[in-house]
Amino acid sequence: MLAVIKTGGKQYLVSPGDKIKVAKLGKKDGAEVTFSEVLLLQKGNSLEIGTPKVQGAKVVAKVLRQGRAKKVIVFKYKPKTRYKKKKGHRQPYTEVEILEIRK
């Protein structure tokens, strides 16, 4: 069983047992999260494509942990003007484990 879910402005292809990192959710570790924006659902040989969402489909996941991604360096430079700026950014994320896909 496969599903494509949308969360945090991105789309993820998931199946039960998968562990994925999504944009930070305001949930505690061990809490259950339900993703109701299911764009595609595959069950056996049948494929159901939503317009834009599959009606009645939900994906249930468990929050494993909160974290921050590796640092990305943002460096701005302009030649001949002695202008340079260096800045770092670490994007927060939530790691979830997909428990089941409901229809």
C-alpha atoms as a PDB file:
ATOM      1  CA  MET A   1       0.000   0.000   0.000  1.00  0.00           C
ATOM      2  CA  LEU A   2       1.372   3.392  -1.043  1.00  0.00           C
ATOM      3  CA  ALA A   3       0.217   6.961  -0.616  1.00  0.00           C
ATOM      4  CA  VAL A   4       1.404  10.417  -1.584  1.00  0.00           C
ATOM      5  CA  ILE A   5       0.817  12.940   1.201  1.00  0.00           C
ATOM      6  CA  LYS A   6       1.267  16.690   1.273  1.00  0.00           C
ATOM      7  CA  THR A   7       2.587  18.477   4.356  1.00  0.00           C
ATOM      8  CA  GLY A   8       4.649  21.605   4.830  1.00  0.00           C
ATOM      9  CA  GLY A   9       4.317  22.507   1.145  1.00  0.00           C
ATOM     10  CA  LYS A  10       6.064  19.301   0.032  1.00  0.00           C
ATOM     11  CA  GLN A  11       4.885  15.907  -1.163  1.00  0.00           C
ATOM     12  CA  TYR A  12       6.099  12.550   0.186  1.00  0.00           C
ATOM     13  CA  LEU A  13       5.639   8.998  -1.133  1.00  0.00           C
ATOM     14  CA  VAL A  14       5.001   6.819   1.928  1.00  0.00           C
ATOM     15  CA  SER A  15       4.079   3.286   2.902  1.00  0.00           C
ATOM     16  CA  PRO A  16       3.539   1.743   6.368  1.00  0.00           C
ATOM     17  CA  GLY A  17       6.808   1.430   8.298  1.00  0.00           C
ATOM     18  CA  ASP A  18       8.573   4.312   6.531  1.00  0.00           C
ATOM     19  CA  LYS A  19      10.419   6.947   8.542  1.00  0.00           C
ATOM     20  CA  ILE A  20      10.446  10.414   6.972  1.00  0.00           C
ATOM     21  CA  LYS A  21      11.534  13.908   7.976  1.00  0.00           C
ATOM     22  CA  VAL A  22       8.881  16.575   7.425  1.00  0.00           C
ATOM     23  CA  ALA A  23       8.718  20.296   8.180  1.00  0.00           C
ATOM     24  CA  LYS A  24       8.433  20.915  11.904  1.00  0.00           C
ATOM     25  CA  LEU A  25       5.083  19.990  13.444  1.00  0.00           C
ATOM     26  CA  GLY A  26       3.966  21.327  16.812  1.00  0.00           C
ATOM     27  CA  LYS A  27       3.625  17.867  18.413  1.00  0.00           C
ATOM     28  CA  LYS A  28       5.466  16.130  21.264  1.00  0.00           C
ATOM     29  CA  ASP A  29       7.507  12.955  20.851  1.00  0.00           C
ATOM     30  CA  GLY A  30       5.311   9.852  20.809  1.00  0.00           C
ATOM     31  CA  ALA A  31       2.174  11.722  19.706  1.00  0.00           C
ATOM     32  CA  GLU A  32       0.064  10.553  16.777  1.00  0.00           C
ATOM     33  CA  VAL A  33      -0.324  12.740  13.705  1.00  0.00           C
ATOM     34  CA  THR A  34      -2.953  12.354  10.989  1.00  0.00           C
ATOM     35  CA  PHE A  35      -2.205  13.578   7.478  1.00  0.00           C
ATOM     36  CA  SER A  36      -5.522  14.146   5.703  1.00  0.00           C
ATOM     37  CA  GLU A  37      -4.109  15.608   2.480  1.00  0.00           C
ATOM     38  CA  VAL A  38      -3.656  12.358   0.541  1.00  0.00           C
ATOM     39  CA  LEU A  39      -3.084  13.063  -3.159  1.00  0.00           C
ATOM     40  CA  LEU A  40      -2.672   9.479  -4.418  1.00  0.00           C
ATOM     41  CA  LEU A  41      -3.513   6.071  -3.005  1.00  0.00           C
ATOM     42  CA  GLN A  42      -2.438   2.650  -4.270  1.00  0.00           C
ATOM     43  CA  LYS A  43      -4.045  -0.453  -2.801  1.00  0.00           C
ATOM     44  CA  GLY A  44      -2.954  -3.676  -4.515  1.00  0.00           C
ATOM     45  CA  ASN A  45      -3.405  -3.141  -8.258  1.00  0.00           C
ATOM     46  CA  SER A  46      -5.920  -0.293  -7.921  1.00  0.00           C
ATOM     47  CA  LEU A  47      -4.661   3.267  -8.163  1.00  0.00           C
ATOM     48  CA  GLU A  48      -6.777   6.173  -6.955  1.00  0.00           C
ATOM     49  CA  ILE A  49      -5.745   9.714  -7.885  1.00  0.00           C
ATOM     50  CA  GLY A  50      -7.334  12.588  -6.002  1.00  0.00           C
ATOM     51  CA  THR A  51      -8.815  15.708  -7.519  1.00  0.00           C
ATOM     52  CA  PRO A  52      -7.041  17.314  -5.630  1.00  0.00           C
ATOM     53  CA  LYS A  53      -7.391  14.975  -2.594  1.00  0.00           C
ATOM     54  CA  VAL A  54      -8.576  11.379  -2.225  1.00  0.00           C
ATOM     55  CA  GLN A  55     -11.884  11.489  -0.343  1.00  0.00           C
ATOM     56  CA  GLY A  56     -11.852   9.721   3.037  1.00  0.00           C
ATOM     57  CA  ALA A  57      -8.164   8.744   2.918  1.00  0.00           C
ATOM     58  CA  LYS A  58      -5.884   9.418   5.887  1.00  0.00           C
ATOM     59  CA  VAL A  59      -2.333   8.533   6.846  1.00  0.00           C
ATOM     60  CA  VAL A  60      -1.600   7.975  10.545  1.00  0.00           C
ATOM     61  CA  ALA A  61       1.947   8.514  11.801  1.00  0.00           C
ATOM     62  CA  LYS A  62       3.802   8.632  15.128  1.00  0.00           C
ATOM     63  CA  VAL A  63       6.233  11.430  16.017  1.00  0.00           C
ATOM     64  CA  LEU A  64       9.666   9.966  16.745  1.00  0.00           C
ATOM     65  CA  ARG A  65      11.705  13.093  17.441  1.00  0.00           C
ATOM     66  CA  GLN A  66      12.287  16.753  16.706  1.00  0.00           C
ATOM     67  CA  GLY A  67      15.583  17.862  15.215  1.00  0.00           C
ATOM     68  CA  ARG A  68      17.501  20.333  13.131  1.00  0.00           C
ATOM     69  CA  ALA A  69      19.079  19.632   9.746  1.00  0.00           C
ATOM     70  CA  LYS A  70      22.726  20.180   8.861  1.00  0.00           C
ATOM     71  CA  LYS A  71      23.886  23.760   8.612  1.00  0.00           C
ATOM     72  CA  VAL A  72      23.569  25.516   5.267  1.00  0.00           C
ATOM     73  CA  ILE A  73      25.988  28.401   4.712  1.00  0.00           C
ATOM     74  CA  VAL A  74      24.576  31.537   3.075  1.00  0.00           C
ATOM     75  CA  PHE A  75      27.413  33.685   1.719  1.00  0.00           C
ATOM     76  CA  LYS A  76      26.857  37.021  -0.021  1.00  0.00           C
ATOM     77  CA  TYR A  77      29.710  38.737  -1.821  1.00  0.00           C
ATOM     78  CA  LYS A  78      30.046  41.760  -4.075  1.00  0.00           C
ATOM     79  CA  PRO A  79      33.373  42.350  -5.781  1.00  0.00           C
ATOM     80  CA  LYS A  80      35.259  45.658  -5.596  1.00  0.00           C
ATOM     81  CA  THR A  81      33.079  47.038  -2.769  1.00  0.00           C
ATOM     82  CA  ARG A  82      34.471  45.136   0.236  1.00  0.00           C
ATOM     83  CA  TYR A  83      31.016  43.661   0.885  1.00  0.00           C
ATOM     84  CA  LYS A  84      30.692  40.147   2.229  1.00  0.00           C
ATOM     85  CA  LYS A  85      28.260  38.497   4.641  1.00  0.00           C
ATOM     86  CA  LYS A  86      28.302  34.993   6.008  1.00  0.00           C
ATOM     87  CA  LYS A  87      25.279  33.473   7.673  1.00  0.00           C
ATOM     88  CA  GLY A  88      24.266  29.933   8.630  1.00  0.00           C
ATOM     89  CA  HIS A  89      20.832  28.311   8.805  1.00  0.00           C
ATOM     90  CA  ARG A  90      19.586  25.032  10.315  1.00  0.00           C
ATOM     91  CA  GLN A  91      16.073  24.018   9.274  1.00  0.00           C
ATOM     92  CA  PRO A  92      13.982  22.407  12.049  1.00  0.00           C
ATOM     93  CA  TYR A  93      12.228  19.127  11.195  1.00  0.00           C
ATOM     94  CA  THR A  94      10.062  16.419  12.736  1.00  0.00           C
ATOM     95  CA  GLU A  95      10.858  12.755  12.131  1.00  0.00           C
ATOM     96  CA  VAL A  96       7.718  10.601  11.857  1.00  0.00           C
ATOM     97  CA  GLU A  97       7.060   6.889  11.335  1.00  0.00           C
ATOM     98  CA  ILE A  98       4.097   5.940   9.143  1.00  0.00           C
ATOM     99  CA  LEU A  99       1.846   3.531  11.048  1.00  0.00           C
ATOM    100  CA  GLU A 100      -1.069   2.938   8.675  1.00  0.00           C
ATOM    101  CA  ILE A 101      -2.913   4.209   5.644  1.00  0.00           C
ATOM    102  CA  ARG A 102      -6.709   4.371   6.037  1.00  0.00           C
ATOM    103  CA  LYS A 103      -9.421   4.583   3.405  1.00  0.00           C
END
